[in-house]
Amino acid sequence: MSTTSEAKASGRNIDKTRRARAHPDRPGADCQAAPASWQPVVDHARCEGKRDCVEVCPFDVFEVRKIDHRDYTALPFLARMKVRAHGQMTAYTPNADACQACGLCVVACPEHAIKLVRG
């Protein structure tokens, strides 16, 4: 299977990934970090669930789903209204231990809702 076919099958977006790789402000360790040495952190008040993180992450760290009730109620009032306006969808990191600090998610997110922190 070609790289393009693999990317399509996995839900990754080749063009978004190329743009993210070329971004001059990309943080992290260029996918060279040991797994779990960095953690992606999603700001649910900013995330609009657009799936850019899912589409560029080569390690399948992210998923976009309905915001958990606990996370929703912890948001300030205006952030809750924004989340509702976007269908209550947000990114989560169920596979955060697989993160190798590419930083692709950080620069691909149009809301700047993701940051990498050392684990």
C-alpha atoms as a PDB file:
ATOM      1  CA  MET A   1       0.000   0.000   0.000  1.00  0.00           C
ATOM      2  CA  SER A   2       1.364   3.438  -0.887  1.00  0.00           C
ATOM      3  CA  THR A   3       1.938   6.193   1.649  1.00  0.00           C
ATOM      4  CA  THR A   4      -0.968   8.146   0.158  1.00  0.00           C
ATOM      5  CA  SER A   5      -3.276   5.121   0.401  1.00  0.00           C
ATOM      6  CA  GLU A   6      -2.158   4.476   3.985  1.00  0.00           C
ATOM      7  CA  ALA A   7      -2.825   8.095   4.927  1.00  0.00           C
ATOM      8  CA  LYS A   8      -6.290   8.039   3.377  1.00  0.00           C
ATOM      9  CA  ALA A   9      -7.131   4.756   5.073  1.00  0.00           C
ATOM     10  CA  SER A  10      -6.041   6.126   8.450  1.00  0.00           C
ATOM     11  CA  GLY A  11      -7.966   9.395   8.041  1.00  0.00           C
ATOM     12  CA  ARG A  12      -4.854  11.558   7.733  1.00  0.00           C
ATOM     13  CA  ASN A  13      -4.816  14.524   5.363  1.00  0.00           C
ATOM     14  CA  ILE A  14      -1.621  14.641   3.270  1.00  0.00           C
ATOM     15  CA  ASP A  15      -1.873  18.351   2.404  1.00  0.00           C
ATOM     16  CA  LYS A  16      -2.501  19.426   5.999  1.00  0.00           C
ATOM     17  CA  THR A  17       0.360  17.236   7.162  1.00  0.00           C
ATOM     18  CA  ARG A  18       2.769  18.763   4.624  1.00  0.00           C
ATOM     19  CA  ARG A  19       1.779  22.298   5.645  1.00  0.00           C
ATOM     20  CA  ALA A  20       2.179  21.437   9.318  1.00  0.00           C
ATOM     21  CA  ARG A  21       5.615  19.850   8.750  1.00  0.00           C
ATOM     22  CA  ALA A  22       6.801  23.005   6.967  1.00  0.00           C
ATOM     23  CA  HIS A  23       5.465  25.410   9.617  1.00  0.00           C
ATOM     24  CA  PRO A  24       8.350  27.425  11.108  1.00  0.00           C
ATOM     25  CA  ASP A  25       6.806  27.542  14.604  1.00  0.00           C
ATOM     26  CA  ARG A  26       6.309  23.798  14.990  1.00  0.00           C
ATOM     27  CA  PRO A  27       7.245  22.819  18.568  1.00  0.00           C
ATOM     28  CA  GLY A  28       8.415  19.476  19.859  1.00  0.00           C
ATOM     29  CA  ALA A  29      11.159  17.105  18.815  1.00  0.00           C
ATOM     30  CA  ASP A  30      10.443  16.386  15.114  1.00  0.00           C
ATOM     31  CA  CYS A  31       8.925  12.985  15.962  1.00  0.00           C
ATOM     32  CA  GLN A  32      12.180  11.860  17.587  1.00  0.00           C
ATOM     33  CA  ALA A  33      11.098  11.959  21.231  1.00  0.00           C
ATOM     34  CA  ALA A  34      10.584   8.801  23.196  1.00  0.00           C
ATOM     35  CA  PRO A  35       6.881   7.918  23.426  1.00  0.00           C
ATOM     36  CA  ALA A  36       5.179   9.538  26.441  1.00  0.00           C
ATOM     37  CA  SER A  37       8.050  11.975  27.094  1.00  0.00           C
ATOM     38  CA  TRP A  38       5.736  14.729  25.800  1.00  0.00           C
ATOM     39  CA  GLN A  39       1.974  15.043  26.237  1.00  0.00           C
ATOM     40  CA  PRO A  40      -0.439  16.924  23.987  1.00  0.00           C
ATOM     41  CA  VAL A  41      -2.848  19.027  26.045  1.00  0.00           C
ATOM     42  CA  VAL A  42      -6.160  20.173  24.556  1.00  0.00           C
ATOM     43  CA  ASP A  43      -7.823  23.372  25.742  1.00  0.00           C
ATOM     44  CA  HIS A  44     -11.509  22.403  25.540  1.00  0.00           C
ATOM     45  CA  ALA A  45     -12.539  26.055  25.794  1.00  0.00           C
ATOM     46  CA  ARG A  46     -10.792  26.738  22.470  1.00  0.00           C
ATOM     47  CA  CYS A  47     -11.235  23.442  20.594  1.00  0.00           C
ATOM     48  CA  GLU A  48     -14.025  23.400  18.015  1.00  0.00           C
ATOM     49  CA  GLY A  49     -13.683  19.718  17.078  1.00  0.00           C
ATOM     50  CA  LYS A  50     -12.553  20.346  13.504  1.00  0.00           C
ATOM     51  CA  ARG A  51     -10.383  17.184  13.470  1.00  0.00           C
ATOM     52  CA  ASP A  52      -7.200  18.778  12.096  1.00  0.00           C
ATOM     53  CA  CYS A  53      -5.232  17.105  14.907  1.00  0.00           C
ATOM     54  CA  VAL A  54      -6.689  13.713  13.982  1.00  0.00           C
ATOM     55  CA  GLU A  55      -5.855  14.264  10.320  1.00  0.00           C
ATOM     56  CA  VAL A  56      -2.167  15.138  10.837  1.00  0.00           C
ATOM     57  CA  CYS A  57      -1.101  12.971  13.792  1.00  0.00           C
ATOM     58  CA  PRO A  58       1.028  10.037  12.583  1.00  0.00           C
ATOM     59  CA  PHE A  59       0.624   8.227  15.921  1.00  0.00           C
ATOM     60  CA  ASP A  60      -3.202   8.268  16.213  1.00  0.00           C
ATOM     61  CA  VAL A  61      -3.046  10.137  19.519  1.00  0.00           C
ATOM     62  CA  PHE A  62      -6.289  12.103  19.001  1.00  0.00           C
ATOM     63  CA  GLU A  63      -9.984  11.475  18.658  1.00  0.00           C
ATOM     64  CA  VAL A  64     -12.809  13.979  18.334  1.00  0.00           C
ATOM     65  CA  ARG A  65     -16.013  13.231  20.188  1.00  0.00           C
ATOM     66  CA  LYS A  66     -18.692  14.843  22.299  1.00  0.00           C
ATOM     67  CA  ILE A  67     -17.214  16.694  25.259  1.00  0.00           C
ATOM     68  CA  ASP A  68     -17.442  14.859  28.570  1.00  0.00           C
ATOM     69  CA  HIS A  69     -20.006  16.327  30.970  1.00  0.00           C
ATOM     70  CA  ARG A  70     -17.327  16.912  33.616  1.00  0.00           C
ATOM     71  CA  ASP A  71     -15.132  18.863  31.151  1.00  0.00           C
ATOM     72  CA  TYR A  72     -18.134  20.803  29.858  1.00  0.00           C
ATOM     73  CA  THR A  73     -19.325  21.914  33.295  1.00  0.00           C
ATOM     74  CA  ALA A  74     -15.779  22.990  34.238  1.00  0.00           C
ATOM     75  CA  LEU A  75     -15.738  25.533  31.388  1.00  0.00           C
ATOM     76  CA  PRO A  76     -16.637  29.202  31.924  1.00  0.00           C
ATOM     77  CA  PHE A  77     -20.098  30.235  30.693  1.00  0.00           C
ATOM     78  CA  LEU A  78     -18.963  31.799  27.392  1.00  0.00           C
ATOM     79  CA  ALA A  79     -16.774  28.801  26.580  1.00  0.00           C
ATOM     80  CA  ARG A  80     -19.749  26.482  27.204  1.00  0.00           C
ATOM     81  CA  MET A  81     -21.793  28.533  24.734  1.00  0.00           C
ATOM     82  CA  LYS A  82     -18.999  28.281  22.153  1.00  0.00           C
ATOM     83  CA  VAL A  83     -18.750  24.509  22.668  1.00  0.00           C
ATOM     84  CA  ARG A  84     -22.524  24.197  22.204  1.00  0.00           C
ATOM     85  CA  ALA A  85     -22.340  26.250  18.998  1.00  0.00           C
ATOM     86  CA  HIS A  86     -19.852  23.723  17.635  1.00  0.00           C
ATOM     87  CA  GLY A  87     -21.957  20.673  18.395  1.00  0.00           C
ATOM     88  CA  GLN A  88     -20.265  19.928  21.729  1.00  0.00           C
ATOM     89  CA  MET A  89     -17.399  18.242  19.870  1.00  0.00           C
ATOM     90  CA  THR A  90     -13.832  18.437  21.129  1.00  0.00           C
ATOM     91  CA  ALA A  91     -10.522  16.624  20.806  1.00  0.00           C
ATOM     92  CA  TYR A  92      -9.283  14.127  23.350  1.00  0.00           C
ATOM     93  CA  THR A  93      -5.984  12.242  23.564  1.00  0.00           C
ATOM     94  CA  PRO A  94      -6.794   8.612  24.413  1.00  0.00           C
ATOM     95  CA  ASN A  95      -3.422   7.528  23.030  1.00  0.00           C
ATOM     96  CA  ALA A  96      -1.303  10.322  24.532  1.00  0.00           C
ATOM     97  CA  ASP A  97       1.374   7.808  25.520  1.00  0.00           C
ATOM     98  CA  ALA A  98       2.085   7.269  21.817  1.00  0.00           C
ATOM     99  CA  CYS A  99       2.970  10.951  21.256  1.00  0.00           C
ATOM    100  CA  GLN A 100       6.504  11.486  19.967  1.00  0.00           C
ATOM    101  CA  ALA A 101       6.364  15.297  19.950  1.00  0.00           C
ATOM    102  CA  CYS A 102       6.039  15.982  16.230  1.00  0.00           C
ATOM    103  CA  GLY A 103       4.205  19.207  16.949  1.00  0.00           C
ATOM    104  CA  LEU A 104       2.072  18.696  13.831  1.00  0.00           C
ATOM    105  CA  CYS A 105      -1.120  18.900  15.889  1.00  0.00           C
ATOM    106  CA  VAL A 106      -0.060  22.184  17.471  1.00  0.00           C
ATOM    107  CA  VAL A 107       0.462  24.019  14.192  1.00  0.00           C
ATOM    108  CA  ALA A 108      -2.441  22.325  12.393  1.00  0.00           C
ATOM    109  CA  CYS A 109      -5.056  23.356  14.970  1.00  0.00           C
ATOM    110  CA  PRO A 110      -6.841  26.455  13.642  1.00  0.00           C
ATOM    111  CA  GLU A 111      -7.987  27.414  17.163  1.00  0.00           C
ATOM    112  CA  HIS A 112      -4.529  27.065  18.770  1.00  0.00           C
ATOM    113  CA  ALA A 113      -6.133  24.715  21.283  1.00  0.00           C
ATOM    114  CA  ILE A 114      -3.245  22.242  21.576  1.00  0.00           C
ATOM    115  CA  LYS A 115       0.102  22.544  23.270  1.00  0.00           C
ATOM    116  CA  LEU A 116       2.852  20.042  23.971  1.00  0.00           C
ATOM    117  CA  VAL A 117       4.172  19.702  27.496  1.00  0.00           C
ATOM    118  CA  ARG A 118       6.975  17.514  28.729  1.00  0.00           C
ATOM    119  CA  GLY A 119       5.574  14.359  30.297  1.00  0.00           C
END
